[in-house]
Amino acid sequence: TVENWCQDDVVNCRPTALLLKAEALVLRDVKRTKQQEVICMYQEAIAVAETMGILRWEALFTERVVEVIDGLYRDKQTALVFLQRAAELYGRWGAEGKVQHLDNTYKHLTSLTRAPDT
């Protein structure tokens, strides 16, 4: 299992193992009361990916936080923070098509930063 690999010091599985732990917590949080704990678990996976220099995982994991926080916890402000970070990471990676996809997919979040038309 992934956890066994981590215990055996297969270093490159650590970010994925942490991501899977976050995903498992999301599945168990049927009452949607553990948002902060979920975010912390995802952030741990993101931090390890960053430390290891795996930009694509860092971007992907950050995007997953957006999906979970916006879709399940309905916290648009927090999701927007992660969305902006995911777009920045994908941009650094050179995945401009992905940045555009995020903008199109999450228009309801990006509109929170735009001034209302007068």
N, C-alpha and C. Protein backbone atom coordinates (compact mmCIF):
# COMPACT_ATOMS: atom_id res chain seq x y z
N THR A 1 0.84 -1.19 0.00
CA THR A 1 0.00 0.00 0.00
C THR A 1 0.88 1.24 0.00
N VAL A 2 0.27 2.37 -0.26
CA VAL A 2 0.99 3.64 -0.28
C VAL A 2 1.60 3.93 1.08
N GLU A 3 0.86 3.67 2.14
CA GLU A 3 1.39 3.92 3.49
C GLU A 3 2.60 3.05 3.77
N ASN A 4 2.59 1.82 3.30
CA ASN A 4 3.76 0.96 3.49
C ASN A 4 4.97 1.52 2.74
N TRP A 5 4.75 2.03 1.55
CA TRP A 5 5.86 2.62 0.81
C TRP A 5 6.44 3.79 1.59
N CYS A 6 5.58 4.60 2.17
CA CYS A 6 6.07 5.75 2.94
C CYS A 6 6.87 5.28 4.14
N GLN A 7 6.41 4.24 4.79
CA GLN A 7 7.15 3.71 5.94
C GLN A 7 8.48 3.12 5.50
N ASP A 8 8.55 2.64 4.25
CA ASP A 8 9.79 2.08 3.72
C ASP A 8 10.67 3.15 3.09
N ASP A 9 10.35 4.41 3.34
CA ASP A 9 11.11 5.56 2.84
C ASP A 9 11.12 5.67 1.32
N VAL A 10 10.05 5.28 0.68
CA VAL A 10 9.90 5.57 -0.75
C VAL A 10 9.38 7.01 -0.79
N VAL A 11 10.33 7.93 -0.86
CA VAL A 11 10.07 9.35 -0.62
C VAL A 11 9.04 9.93 -1.58
N ASN A 12 9.10 9.57 -2.84
CA ASN A 12 8.22 10.21 -3.81
C ASN A 12 6.75 9.84 -3.66
N CYS A 13 6.42 8.94 -2.78
CA CYS A 13 5.01 8.61 -2.58
C CYS A 13 4.38 9.45 -1.46
N ARG A 14 5.20 10.15 -0.71
CA ARG A 14 4.69 10.90 0.44
C ARG A 14 3.61 11.92 0.07
N PRO A 15 3.81 12.77 -0.95
CA PRO A 15 2.74 13.72 -1.28
C PRO A 15 1.43 13.02 -1.65
N THR A 16 1.52 11.94 -2.40
CA THR A 16 0.33 11.21 -2.82
C THR A 16 -0.36 10.57 -1.62
N ALA A 17 0.42 10.01 -0.71
CA ALA A 17 -0.15 9.40 0.49
C ALA A 17 -0.90 10.45 1.32
N LEU A 18 -0.31 11.62 1.44
CA LEU A 18 -0.97 12.69 2.19
C LEU A 18 -2.25 13.15 1.49
N LEU A 19 -2.19 13.23 0.17
CA LEU A 19 -3.38 13.60 -0.59
C LEU A 19 -4.49 12.58 -0.37
N LEU A 20 -4.14 11.30 -0.40
CA LEU A 20 -5.14 10.26 -0.19
C LEU A 20 -5.74 10.32 1.21
N LYS A 21 -4.93 10.68 2.19
CA LYS A 21 -5.47 10.86 3.55
C LYS A 21 -6.48 12.00 3.58
N ALA A 22 -6.17 13.08 2.89
CA ALA A 22 -7.12 14.20 2.82
C ALA A 22 -8.41 13.77 2.14
N GLU A 23 -8.27 13.03 1.04
CA GLU A 23 -9.45 12.55 0.32
C GLU A 23 -10.31 11.63 1.20
N ALA A 24 -9.65 10.79 1.97
CA ALA A 24 -10.38 9.88 2.86
C ALA A 24 -11.14 10.67 3.92
N LEU A 25 -10.52 11.72 4.44
CA LEU A 25 -11.20 12.55 5.44
C LEU A 25 -12.42 13.22 4.82
N VAL A 26 -12.31 13.71 3.61
CA VAL A 26 -13.45 14.32 2.93
C VAL A 26 -14.59 13.32 2.82
N LEU A 27 -14.28 12.09 2.45
CA LEU A 27 -15.31 11.06 2.33
C LEU A 27 -15.98 10.75 3.66
N ARG A 28 -15.21 10.79 4.73
CA ARG A 28 -15.76 10.49 6.06
C ARG A 28 -16.54 11.67 6.66
N ASP A 29 -16.27 12.87 6.17
CA ASP A 29 -16.90 14.08 6.74
C ASP A 29 -18.27 14.33 6.13
N VAL A 30 -19.20 13.41 6.37
CA VAL A 30 -20.53 13.50 5.76
C VAL A 30 -21.32 14.71 6.27
N LYS A 31 -21.04 15.16 7.47
CA LYS A 31 -21.76 16.32 8.02
C LYS A 31 -21.10 17.64 7.61
N ARG A 32 -19.99 17.54 6.93
CA ARG A 32 -19.26 18.72 6.43
C ARG A 32 -18.88 19.68 7.57
N THR A 33 -18.31 19.12 8.63
CA THR A 33 -17.92 19.92 9.80
C THR A 33 -16.41 20.01 9.98
N LYS A 34 -15.64 19.39 9.10
CA LYS A 34 -14.19 19.32 9.30
C LYS A 34 -13.42 20.06 8.21
N GLN A 35 -13.94 21.17 7.76
CA GLN A 35 -13.31 21.91 6.67
C GLN A 35 -11.86 22.28 7.00
N GLN A 36 -11.61 22.83 8.18
CA GLN A 36 -10.25 23.25 8.53
C GLN A 36 -9.29 22.07 8.56
N GLU A 37 -9.73 20.96 9.09
CA GLU A 37 -8.89 19.77 9.13
C GLU A 37 -8.59 19.26 7.72
N VAL A 38 -9.60 19.29 6.87
CA VAL A 38 -9.42 18.88 5.48
C VAL A 38 -8.40 19.78 4.80
N ILE A 39 -8.56 21.09 4.95
CA ILE A 39 -7.63 22.04 4.34
C ILE A 39 -6.21 21.78 4.83
N CYS A 40 -6.05 21.57 6.13
CA CYS A 40 -4.71 21.31 6.69
C CYS A 40 -4.08 20.06 6.08
N MET A 41 -4.88 19.03 5.89
CA MET A 41 -4.34 17.80 5.31
C MET A 41 -3.91 18.02 3.86
N TYR A 42 -4.73 18.73 3.09
CA TYR A 42 -4.35 19.04 1.71
C TYR A 42 -3.09 19.92 1.70
N GLN A 43 -3.05 20.90 2.60
CA GLN A 43 -1.89 21.79 2.63
C GLN A 43 -0.60 21.04 2.95
N GLU A 44 -0.70 20.03 3.77
CA GLU A 44 0.47 19.22 4.07
C GLU A 44 0.97 18.50 2.80
N ALA A 45 0.04 17.95 2.04
CA ALA A 45 0.42 17.29 0.78
C ALA A 45 1.03 18.30 -0.19
N ILE A 46 0.44 19.47 -0.26
CA ILE A 46 0.93 20.53 -1.15
C ILE A 46 2.34 20.96 -0.72
N ALA A 47 2.54 21.13 0.57
CA ALA A 47 3.85 21.56 1.08
C ALA A 47 4.94 20.54 0.78
N VAL A 48 4.62 19.26 0.91
CA VAL A 48 5.61 18.21 0.62
C VAL A 48 5.92 18.21 -0.88
N ALA A 49 4.90 18.35 -1.71
CA ALA A 49 5.14 18.42 -3.16
C ALA A 49 6.02 19.62 -3.50
N GLU A 50 5.76 20.74 -2.84
CA GLU A 50 6.58 21.94 -3.07
C GLU A 50 8.02 21.70 -2.63
N THR A 51 8.21 21.13 -1.46
CA THR A 51 9.55 20.84 -0.95
C THR A 51 10.31 19.92 -1.90
N MET A 52 9.59 18.99 -2.48
CA MET A 52 10.22 18.04 -3.41
C MET A 52 10.40 18.63 -4.81
N GLY A 53 9.84 19.82 -5.03
CA GLY A 53 9.98 20.47 -6.32
C GLY A 53 9.10 19.88 -7.41
N ILE A 54 7.98 19.29 -7.01
CA ILE A 54 7.06 18.68 -7.98
C ILE A 54 5.91 19.66 -8.24
N LEU A 55 6.19 20.63 -9.09
CA LEU A 55 5.26 21.72 -9.35
C LEU A 55 3.91 21.23 -9.86
N ARG A 56 3.91 20.24 -10.73
CA ARG A 56 2.64 19.76 -11.30
C ARG A 56 1.75 19.17 -10.21
N TRP A 57 2.34 18.46 -9.23
CA TRP A 57 1.54 17.93 -8.14
C TRP A 57 1.05 19.05 -7.23
N GLU A 58 1.90 20.00 -6.99
CA GLU A 58 1.52 21.14 -6.16
C GLU A 58 0.31 21.85 -6.78
N ALA A 59 0.35 22.06 -8.09
CA ALA A 59 -0.76 22.70 -8.79
C ALA A 59 -2.02 21.83 -8.76
N LEU A 60 -1.87 20.57 -9.06
CA LEU A 60 -3.00 19.65 -9.08
C LEU A 60 -3.65 19.51 -7.71
N PHE A 61 -2.84 19.37 -6.67
CA PHE A 61 -3.38 19.23 -5.32
C PHE A 61 -4.10 20.51 -4.89
N THR A 62 -3.55 21.66 -5.28
CA THR A 62 -4.18 22.94 -4.94
C THR A 62 -5.51 23.07 -5.66
N GLU A 63 -5.56 22.64 -6.91
CA GLU A 63 -6.82 22.66 -7.64
C GLU A 63 -7.85 21.74 -6.96
N ARG A 64 -7.40 20.62 -6.46
CA ARG A 64 -8.32 19.70 -5.78
C ARG A 64 -8.93 20.34 -4.55
N VAL A 65 -8.15 21.17 -3.84
CA VAL A 65 -8.70 21.89 -2.69
C VAL A 65 -9.84 22.80 -3.14
N VAL A 66 -9.65 23.45 -4.28
CA VAL A 66 -10.71 24.32 -4.81
C VAL A 66 -11.98 23.51 -5.05
N GLU A 67 -11.84 22.37 -5.70
CA GLU A 67 -13.01 21.53 -5.99
C GLU A 67 -13.74 21.14 -4.71
N VAL A 68 -12.99 20.73 -3.72
CA VAL A 68 -13.59 20.25 -2.47
C VAL A 68 -14.22 21.39 -1.68
N ILE A 69 -13.48 22.47 -1.50
CA ILE A 69 -13.97 23.57 -0.67
C ILE A 69 -15.14 24.28 -1.32
N ASP A 70 -15.08 24.46 -2.62
CA ASP A 70 -16.20 25.10 -3.31
C ASP A 70 -17.38 24.15 -3.44
N GLY A 71 -17.12 22.93 -3.88
CA GLY A 71 -18.20 21.99 -4.18
C GLY A 71 -18.88 21.38 -2.97
N LEU A 72 -18.10 21.01 -1.97
CA LEU A 72 -18.69 20.32 -0.82
C LEU A 72 -18.94 21.22 0.38
N TYR A 73 -18.00 22.12 0.64
CA TYR A 73 -18.13 22.96 1.83
C TYR A 73 -18.76 24.32 1.51
N ARG A 74 -18.87 24.64 0.23
CA ARG A 74 -19.53 25.87 -0.23
C ARG A 74 -18.92 27.14 0.36
N ASP A 75 -17.60 27.11 0.55
CA ASP A 75 -16.89 28.27 1.09
C ASP A 75 -16.17 28.96 -0.06
N LYS A 76 -16.86 29.90 -0.67
CA LYS A 76 -16.35 30.53 -1.88
C LYS A 76 -15.11 31.38 -1.64
N GLN A 77 -15.04 32.08 -0.53
CA GLN A 77 -13.87 32.93 -0.26
C GLN A 77 -12.60 32.09 -0.11
N THR A 78 -12.68 31.01 0.64
CA THR A 78 -11.52 30.14 0.82
C THR A 78 -11.16 29.47 -0.49
N ALA A 79 -12.16 29.01 -1.22
CA ALA A 79 -11.91 28.38 -2.52
C ALA A 79 -11.22 29.35 -3.47
N LEU A 80 -11.60 30.62 -3.43
CA LEU A 80 -10.99 31.62 -4.29
C LEU A 80 -9.50 31.77 -3.99
N VAL A 81 -9.12 31.75 -2.74
CA VAL A 81 -7.70 31.85 -2.37
C VAL A 81 -6.91 30.70 -3.00
N PHE A 82 -7.44 29.49 -2.90
CA PHE A 82 -6.77 28.32 -3.47
C PHE A 82 -6.82 28.36 -5.00
N LEU A 83 -7.90 28.87 -5.56
CA LEU A 83 -8.01 28.99 -7.02
C LEU A 83 -6.92 29.91 -7.56
N GLN A 84 -6.73 31.03 -6.91
CA GLN A 84 -5.69 31.97 -7.35
C GLN A 84 -4.31 31.33 -7.27
N ARG A 85 -4.08 30.57 -6.22
CA ARG A 85 -2.79 29.89 -6.07
C ARG A 85 -2.63 28.80 -7.14
N ALA A 86 -3.68 28.04 -7.39
CA ALA A 86 -3.61 26.99 -8.42
C ALA A 86 -3.31 27.61 -9.78
N ALA A 87 -3.97 28.72 -10.11
CA ALA A 87 -3.72 29.39 -11.38
C ALA A 87 -2.27 29.87 -11.46
N GLU A 88 -1.76 30.39 -10.38
CA GLU A 88 -0.36 30.84 -10.34
C GLU A 88 0.59 29.66 -10.57
N LEU A 89 0.32 28.54 -9.91
CA LEU A 89 1.18 27.36 -10.05
C LEU A 89 1.12 26.79 -11.46
N TYR A 90 -0.08 26.67 -12.01
CA TYR A 90 -0.20 26.18 -13.38
C TYR A 90 0.50 27.13 -14.35
N GLY A 91 0.41 28.44 -14.09
CA GLY A 91 1.09 29.42 -14.92
C GLY A 91 2.60 29.25 -14.87
N ARG A 92 3.14 29.04 -13.68
CA ARG A 92 4.58 28.80 -13.53
C ARG A 92 5.01 27.54 -14.26
N TRP A 93 4.12 26.58 -14.29
CA TRP A 93 4.41 25.31 -14.96
C TRP A 93 4.32 25.46 -16.48
N GLY A 94 3.67 26.53 -16.92
CA GLY A 94 3.50 26.76 -18.35
C GLY A 94 2.21 26.20 -18.91
N ALA A 95 1.31 25.82 -18.03
CA ALA A 95 0.04 25.22 -18.44
C ALA A 95 -1.04 26.30 -18.58
N GLU A 96 -0.85 27.16 -19.57
CA GLU A 96 -1.78 28.29 -19.75
C GLU A 96 -3.19 27.82 -20.10
N GLY A 97 -3.31 26.73 -20.82
CA GLY A 97 -4.63 26.17 -21.11
C GLY A 97 -5.36 25.77 -19.84
N LYS A 98 -4.62 25.25 -18.89
CA LYS A 98 -5.21 24.86 -17.60
C LYS A 98 -5.66 26.10 -16.83
N VAL A 99 -4.86 27.16 -16.90
CA VAL A 99 -5.25 28.41 -16.24
C VAL A 99 -6.57 28.91 -16.82
N GLN A 100 -6.69 28.87 -18.14
CA GLN A 100 -7.93 29.29 -18.79
C GLN A 100 -9.09 28.39 -18.39
N HIS A 101 -8.82 27.09 -18.30
CA HIS A 101 -9.86 26.14 -17.87
C HIS A 101 -10.35 26.49 -16.46
N LEU A 102 -9.43 26.78 -15.56
CA LEU A 102 -9.83 27.16 -14.20
C LEU A 102 -10.70 28.40 -14.22
N ASP A 103 -10.29 29.39 -15.01
CA ASP A 103 -11.06 30.63 -15.09
C ASP A 103 -12.47 30.36 -15.61
N ASN A 104 -12.57 29.51 -16.63
CA ASN A 104 -13.89 29.19 -17.19
C ASN A 104 -14.74 28.36 -16.22
N THR A 105 -14.11 27.41 -15.55
CA THR A 105 -14.83 26.52 -14.65
C THR A 105 -15.32 27.23 -13.40
N TYR A 106 -14.51 28.17 -12.92
CA TYR A 106 -14.81 28.82 -11.64
C TYR A 106 -15.13 30.30 -11.80
N LYS A 107 -15.88 30.62 -12.86
CA LYS A 107 -16.28 32.03 -13.07
C LYS A 107 -17.03 32.57 -11.86
N HIS A 108 -17.80 31.73 -11.20
CA HIS A 108 -18.56 32.19 -10.04
C HIS A 108 -17.63 32.59 -8.89
N LEU A 109 -16.41 32.07 -8.88
CA LEU A 109 -15.45 32.47 -7.85
C LEU A 109 -14.65 33.69 -8.30
N THR A 110 -14.20 33.66 -9.56
CA THR A 110 -13.38 34.78 -10.03
C THR A 110 -14.19 36.07 -10.09
N SER A 111 -15.49 35.96 -10.22
CA SER A 111 -16.32 37.17 -10.23
C SER A 111 -16.34 37.84 -8.85
N LEU A 112 -15.97 37.14 -7.81
CA LEU A 112 -15.93 37.72 -6.47
C LEU A 112 -14.86 38.81 -6.36
N THR A 113 -13.85 38.76 -7.22
CA THR A 113 -12.77 39.75 -7.16
C THR A 113 -12.97 40.91 -8.09
N ARG A 114 -13.96 40.81 -8.96
CA ARG A 114 -14.20 41.89 -9.91
C ARG A 114 -15.16 42.91 -9.33
N ALA A 115 -14.90 44.17 -9.63
CA ALA A 115 -15.78 45.23 -9.17
C ALA A 115 -17.11 45.13 -9.92
N PRO A 116 -18.22 45.36 -9.22
CA PRO A 116 -19.52 45.31 -9.90
C PRO A 116 -19.62 46.44 -10.94
N ASP A 117 -20.34 46.16 -12.02
CA ASP A 117 -20.55 47.17 -13.05
C ASP A 117 -21.40 48.29 -12.50
N THR A 118 -21.03 49.50 -12.84
CA THR A 118 -21.82 50.66 -12.36
C THR A 118 -22.54 51.33 -13.48
